[in-house]
Each structure stands twice: as C-alpha cells, then as structure tokens.
Amino acid sequence: MVWVLAPWLVAVLLILLALRLLALEDFNLQASGWGLLGSAAICFSIGCVCRVSLLLAERR
C-alpha cells in the first residue's frame, strides 16, 4: 500500500524544490524550476493511476 503514496510524496518534494528554484533570481535555475513542476505533475498523475488501479484490484 505504501507504493501507492510514493508518487505523491515525490510530487510534493518536487514542488517544494521547484518553488525554491523559482524564487531565485537566476534565470537558468528558474527554468529548471519550471521543469520540476512538470515532473511533479507527471508524478502526481502516476499516483492517481496507482490509486485507481489499487481500488479496481480490491474490488474483485
């Protein structure tokens, strides 16, 4: 069951790191922050798919 929460935990960590990079004045680091936000969105969606898969598997 822990594996279902792992993508969401990674997404939260990526968002925190991205916000820290976006707060800096260096444009190159800000660009990396936007990339991390995209990665966080992907991790969040993977977490949603894992959760739905787990619920469907428990239904049987």
PDB file of N, CA and C in Angstrom:
ATOM      1  N   MET A   1       0.820  -1.200   0.000  1.00  0.00           N
ATOM      2  CA  MET A   1       0.000   0.000   0.000  1.00  0.00           C
ATOM      3  C   MET A   1       0.865   1.266   0.000  1.00  0.00           C
ATOM      4  N   VAL A   2       2.063   1.183   0.532  1.00  0.00           N
ATOM      5  CA  VAL A   2       2.941   2.356   0.582  1.00  0.00           C
ATOM      6  C   VAL A   2       3.340   2.800  -0.819  1.00  0.00           C
ATOM      7  N   TRP A   3       3.460   1.850  -1.726  1.00  0.00           N
ATOM      8  CA  TRP A   3       3.867   2.198  -3.086  1.00  0.00           C
ATOM      9  C   TRP A   3       2.854   3.105  -3.767  1.00  0.00           C
ATOM     10  N   VAL A   4       1.619   3.091  -3.301  1.00  0.00           N
ATOM     11  CA  VAL A   4       0.598   3.963  -3.889  1.00  0.00           C
ATOM     12  C   VAL A   4       0.859   5.419  -3.512  1.00  0.00           C
ATOM     13  N   LEU A   5       1.377   5.644  -2.325  1.00  0.00           N
ATOM     14  CA  LEU A   5       1.623   7.008  -1.859  1.00  0.00           C
ATOM     15  C   LEU A   5       2.955   7.575  -2.344  1.00  0.00           C
ATOM     16  N   ALA A   6       3.875   6.723  -2.759  1.00  0.00           N
ATOM     17  CA  ALA A   6       5.214   7.166  -3.147  1.00  0.00           C
ATOM     18  C   ALA A   6       5.214   8.220  -4.256  1.00  0.00           C
ATOM     19  N   PRO A   7       4.449   8.061  -5.341  1.00  0.00           N
ATOM     20  CA  PRO A   7       4.476   9.104  -6.378  1.00  0.00           C
ATOM     21  C   PRO A   7       3.971  10.459  -5.879  1.00  0.00           C
ATOM     22  N   TRP A   8       3.011  10.440  -4.967  1.00  0.00           N
ATOM     23  CA  TRP A   8       2.508  11.707  -4.427  1.00  0.00           C
ATOM     24  C   TRP A   8       3.535  12.359  -3.513  1.00  0.00           C
ATOM     25  N   LEU A   9       4.265  11.556  -2.760  1.00  0.00           N
ATOM     26  CA  LEU A   9       5.319  12.102  -1.909  1.00  0.00           C
ATOM     27  C   LEU A   9       6.432  12.717  -2.750  1.00  0.00           C
ATOM     28  N   VAL A  10       6.791  12.038  -3.823  1.00  0.00           N
ATOM     29  CA  VAL A  10       7.804  12.580  -4.729  1.00  0.00           C
ATOM     30  C   VAL A  10       7.299  13.862  -5.371  1.00  0.00           C
ATOM     31  N   ALA A  11       6.033  13.905  -5.732  1.00  0.00           N
ATOM     32  CA  ALA A  11       5.461  15.115  -6.336  1.00  0.00           C
ATOM     33  C   ALA A  11       5.542  16.295  -5.368  1.00  0.00           C
ATOM     34  N   VAL A  12       5.251  16.055  -4.105  1.00  0.00           N
ATOM     35  CA  VAL A  12       5.333  17.134  -3.107  1.00  0.00           C
ATOM     36  C   VAL A  12       6.770  17.624  -2.969  1.00  0.00           C
ATOM     37  N   LEU A  13       7.722  16.703  -2.916  1.00  0.00           N
ATOM     38  CA  LEU A  13       9.128  17.099  -2.818  1.00  0.00           C
ATOM     39  C   LEU A  13       9.575  17.896  -4.037  1.00  0.00           C
ATOM     40  N   LEU A  14       9.138  17.476  -5.220  1.00  0.00           N
ATOM     41  CA  LEU A  14       9.491  18.201  -6.436  1.00  0.00           C
ATOM     42  C   LEU A  14       8.881  19.597  -6.456  1.00  0.00           C
ATOM     43  N   ILE A  15       7.666  19.724  -5.970  1.00  0.00           N
ATOM     44  CA  ILE A  15       7.024  21.044  -5.924  1.00  0.00           C
ATOM     45  C   ILE A  15       7.776  21.970  -4.979  1.00  0.00           C
ATOM     46  N   LEU A  16       8.167  21.450  -3.832  1.00  0.00           N
ATOM     47  CA  LEU A  16       8.918  22.276  -2.882  1.00  0.00           C
ATOM     48  C   LEU A  16      10.249  22.726  -3.476  1.00  0.00           C
ATOM     49  N   LEU A  17      10.950  21.814  -4.123  1.00  0.00           N
ATOM     50  CA  LEU A  17      12.213  22.180  -4.753  1.00  0.00           C
ATOM     51  C   LEU A  17      11.997  23.160  -5.896  1.00  0.00           C
ATOM     52  N   ALA A  18      10.954  22.949  -6.684  1.00  0.00           N
ATOM     53  CA  ALA A  18      10.663  23.848  -7.799  1.00  0.00           C
ATOM     54  C   ALA A  18      10.339  25.252  -7.302  1.00  0.00           C
ATOM     55  N   LEU A  19       9.552  25.352  -6.246  1.00  0.00           N
ATOM     56  CA  LEU A  19       9.223  26.676  -5.707  1.00  0.00           C
ATOM     57  C   LEU A  19      10.468  27.386  -5.186  1.00  0.00           C
ATOM     58  N   ARG A  20      11.362  26.607  -4.613  1.00  0.00           N
ATOM     59  CA  ARG A  20      12.612  27.216  -4.136  1.00  0.00           C
ATOM     60  C   ARG A  20      13.435  27.743  -5.315  1.00  0.00           C
ATOM     61  N   LEU A  21      13.510  26.966  -6.394  1.00  0.00           N
ATOM     62  CA  LEU A  21      14.259  27.414  -7.561  1.00  0.00           C
ATOM     63  C   LEU A  21      13.584  28.598  -8.253  1.00  0.00           C
ATOM     64  N   LEU A  22      12.269  28.610  -8.284  1.00  0.00           N
ATOM     65  CA  LEU A  22      11.551  29.722  -8.924  1.00  0.00           C
ATOM     66  C   LEU A  22      11.699  31.027  -8.150  1.00  0.00           C
ATOM     67  N   ALA A  23      11.978  30.935  -6.860  1.00  0.00           N
ATOM     68  CA  ALA A  23      12.139  32.138  -6.041  1.00  0.00           C
ATOM     69  C   ALA A  23      13.499  32.800  -6.257  1.00  0.00           C
ATOM     70  N   LEU A  24      14.438  32.093  -6.866  1.00  0.00           N
ATOM     71  CA  LEU A  24      15.770  32.648  -7.105  1.00  0.00           C
ATOM     72  C   LEU A  24      15.742  33.594  -8.296  1.00  0.00           C
ATOM     73  N   GLU A  25      16.750  34.451  -8.369  1.00  0.00           N
ATOM     74  CA  GLU A  25      16.800  35.436  -9.447  1.00  0.00           C
ATOM     75  C   GLU A  25      17.529  34.923 -10.685  1.00  0.00           C
ATOM     76  N   ASP A  26      18.194  33.793 -10.587  1.00  0.00           N
ATOM     77  CA  ASP A  26      18.941  33.236 -11.717  1.00  0.00           C
ATOM     78  C   ASP A  26      17.963  32.594 -12.709  1.00  0.00           C
ATOM     79  N   PHE A  27      17.969  33.082 -13.939  1.00  0.00           N
ATOM     80  CA  PHE A  27      17.015  32.603 -14.946  1.00  0.00           C
ATOM     81  C   PHE A  27      17.204  31.121 -15.244  1.00  0.00           C
ATOM     82  N   ASN A  28      18.450  30.649 -15.285  1.00  0.00           N
ATOM     83  CA  ASN A  28      18.702  29.234 -15.587  1.00  0.00           C
ATOM     84  C   ASN A  28      18.098  28.336 -14.510  1.00  0.00           C
ATOM     85  N   LEU A  29      18.198  28.740 -13.267  1.00  0.00           N
ATOM     86  CA  LEU A  29      17.616  27.948 -12.188  1.00  0.00           C
ATOM     87  C   LEU A  29      16.093  28.028 -12.205  1.00  0.00           C
ATOM     88  N   GLN A  30      15.548  29.161 -12.609  1.00  0.00           N
ATOM     89  CA  GLN A  30      14.094  29.282 -12.720  1.00  0.00           C
ATOM     90  C   GLN A  30      13.561  28.353 -13.805  1.00  0.00           C
ATOM     91  N   ALA A  31      14.291  28.229 -14.898  1.00  0.00           N
ATOM     92  CA  ALA A  31      13.875  27.317 -15.964  1.00  0.00           C
ATOM     93  C   ALA A  31      13.864  25.879 -15.458  1.00  0.00           C
ATOM     94  N   SER A  32      14.842  25.538 -14.632  1.00  0.00           N
ATOM     95  CA  SER A  32      14.864  24.191 -14.043  1.00  0.00           C
ATOM     96  C   SER A  32      13.676  24.005 -13.104  1.00  0.00           C
ATOM     97  N   GLY A  33      13.287  25.074 -12.420  1.00  0.00           N
ATOM     98  CA  GLY A  33      12.120  25.010 -11.535  1.00  0.00           C
ATOM     99  C   GLY A  33      10.845  24.706 -12.302  1.00  0.00           C
ATOM    100  N   TRP A  34      10.690  25.319 -13.478  1.00  0.00           N
ATOM    101  CA  TRP A  34       9.502  25.024 -14.298  1.00  0.00           C
ATOM    102  C   TRP A  34       9.513  23.585 -14.768  1.00  0.00           C
ATOM    103  N   GLY A  35      10.695  23.076 -15.086  1.00  0.00           N
ATOM    104  CA  GLY A  35      10.806  21.678 -15.486  1.00  0.00           C
ATOM    105  C   GLY A  35      10.438  20.737 -14.350  1.00  0.00           C
ATOM    106  N   LEU A  36      10.830  21.094 -13.144  1.00  0.00           N
ATOM    107  CA  LEU A  36      10.484  20.274 -11.984  1.00  0.00           C
ATOM    108  C   LEU A  36       8.982  20.298 -11.706  1.00  0.00           C
ATOM    109  N   LEU A  37       8.340  21.413 -11.987  1.00  0.00           N
ATOM    110  CA  LEU A  37       6.877  21.450 -11.827  1.00  0.00           C
ATOM    111  C   LEU A  37       6.197  20.484 -12.794  1.00  0.00           C
ATOM    112  N   GLY A  38       6.731  20.401 -14.004  1.00  0.00           N
ATOM    113  CA  GLY A  38       6.199  19.434 -14.964  1.00  0.00           C
ATOM    114  C   GLY A  38       6.407  18.006 -14.491  1.00  0.00           C
ATOM    115  N   SER A  39       7.572  17.740 -13.939  1.00  0.00           N
ATOM    116  CA  SER A  39       7.851  16.407 -13.407  1.00  0.00           C
ATOM    117  C   SER A  39       6.943  16.079 -12.231  1.00  0.00           C
ATOM    118  N   ALA A  40       6.661  17.081 -11.407  1.00  0.00           N
ATOM    119  CA  ALA A  40       5.754  16.877 -10.275  1.00  0.00           C
ATOM    120  C   ALA A  40       4.352  16.537 -10.765  1.00  0.00           C
ATOM    121  N   ALA A  41       3.916  17.189 -11.835  1.00  0.00           N
ATOM    122  CA  ALA A  41       2.594  16.891 -12.385  1.00  0.00           C
ATOM    123  C   ALA A  41       2.534  15.457 -12.910  1.00  0.00           C
ATOM    124  N   ILE A  42       3.618  15.005 -13.520  1.00  0.00           N
ATOM    125  CA  ILE A  42       3.658  13.625 -14.013  1.00  0.00           C
ATOM    126  C   ILE A  42       3.609  12.650 -12.845  1.00  0.00           C
ATOM    127  N   CYS A  43       4.387  12.918 -11.790  1.00  0.00           N
ATOM    128  CA  CYS A  43       4.380  12.041 -10.610  1.00  0.00           C
ATOM    129  C   CYS A  43       2.995  12.012  -9.961  1.00  0.00           C
ATOM    130  N   PHE A  44       2.335  13.159  -9.916  1.00  0.00           N
ATOM    131  CA  PHE A  44       1.001  13.206  -9.336  1.00  0.00           C
ATOM    132  C   PHE A  44       0.032  12.353 -10.149  1.00  0.00           C
ATOM    133  N   SER A  45       0.117  12.443 -11.470  1.00  0.00           N
ATOM    134  CA  SER A  45      -0.790  11.649 -12.302  1.00  0.00           C
ATOM    135  C   SER A  45      -0.491  10.156 -12.183  1.00  0.00           C
ATOM    136  N   ILE A  46       0.783   9.794 -12.038  1.00  0.00           N
ATOM    137  CA  ILE A  46       1.129   8.387 -11.822  1.00  0.00           C
ATOM    138  C   ILE A  46       0.537   7.908 -10.505  1.00  0.00           C
ATOM    139  N   GLY A  47       0.568   8.757  -9.477  1.00  0.00           N
ATOM    140  CA  GLY A  47      -0.046   8.405  -8.199  1.00  0.00           C
ATOM    141  C   GLY A  47      -1.539   8.178  -8.330  1.00  0.00           C
ATOM    142  N   CYS A  48      -2.192   8.992  -9.154  1.00  0.00           N
ATOM    143  CA  CYS A  48      -3.633   8.813  -9.377  1.00  0.00           C
ATOM    144  C   CYS A  48      -3.921   7.492 -10.074  1.00  0.00           C
ATOM    145  N   VAL A  49      -3.102   7.142 -11.064  1.00  0.00           N
ATOM    146  CA  VAL A  49      -3.285   5.875 -11.769  1.00  0.00           C
ATOM    147  C   VAL A  49      -3.052   4.702 -10.814  1.00  0.00           C
ATOM    148  N   CYS A  50      -2.046   4.806  -9.959  1.00  0.00           N
ATOM    149  CA  CYS A  50      -1.774   3.737  -8.986  1.00  0.00           C
ATOM    150  C   CYS A  50      -2.949   3.563  -8.035  1.00  0.00           C
ATOM    151  N   ARG A  51      -3.498   4.667  -7.589  1.00  0.00           N
ATOM    152  CA  ARG A  51      -4.619   4.604  -6.646  1.00  0.00           C
ATOM    153  C   ARG A  51      -5.845   3.963  -7.299  1.00  0.00           C
ATOM    154  N   VAL A  52      -6.154   4.365  -8.516  1.00  0.00           N
ATOM    155  CA  VAL A  52      -7.294   3.796  -9.226  1.00  0.00           C
ATOM    156  C   VAL A  52      -7.065   2.308  -9.481  1.00  0.00           C
ATOM    157  N   SER A  53      -5.851   1.943  -9.861  1.00  0.00           N
ATOM    158  CA  SER A  53      -5.544   0.526 -10.091  1.00  0.00           C
ATOM    159  C   SER A  53      -5.708  -0.279  -8.836  1.00  0.00           C
ATOM    160  N   LEU A  54      -5.269   0.253  -7.703  1.00  0.00           N
ATOM    161  CA  LEU A  54      -5.414  -0.448  -6.437  1.00  0.00           C
ATOM    162  C   LEU A  54      -6.890  -0.612  -6.065  1.00  0.00           C
ATOM    163  N   LEU A  55      -7.667   0.423  -6.251  1.00  0.00           N
ATOM    164  CA  LEU A  55      -9.099   0.332  -5.931  1.00  0.00           C
ATOM    165  C   LEU A  55      -9.803  -0.679  -6.834  1.00  0.00           C
ATOM    166  N   LEU A  56      -9.439  -0.713  -8.100  1.00  0.00           N
ATOM    167  CA  LEU A  56     -10.051  -1.689  -9.005  1.00  0.00           C
ATOM    168  C   LEU A  56      -9.632  -3.112  -8.660  1.00  0.00           C
ATOM    169  N   ALA A  57      -8.393  -3.286  -8.232  1.00  0.00           N
ATOM    170  CA  ALA A  57      -7.918  -4.620  -7.872  1.00  0.00           C
ATOM    171  C   ALA A  57      -8.581  -5.107  -6.589  1.00  0.00           C
ATOM    172  N   GLU A  58      -8.857  -4.212  -5.661  1.00  0.00           N
ATOM    173  CA  GLU A  58      -9.510  -4.591  -4.405  1.00  0.00           C
ATOM    174  C   GLU A  58     -10.978  -4.887  -4.601  1.00  0.00           C
ATOM    175  N   ARG A  59     -11.564  -4.392  -5.656  1.00  0.00           N
ATOM    176  CA  ARG A  59     -12.976  -4.592  -5.929  1.00  0.00           C
ATOM    177  C   ARG A  59     -13.299  -6.026  -6.312  1.00  0.00           C
ATOM    178  N   ARG A  60     -12.350  -6.699  -6.923  1.00  0.00           N
ATOM    179  CA  ARG A  60     -12.590  -8.067  -7.414  1.00  0.00           C
ATOM    180  C   ARG A  60     -12.694  -9.032  -6.318  1.00  0.00           C
TER     181      ARG A  60
END
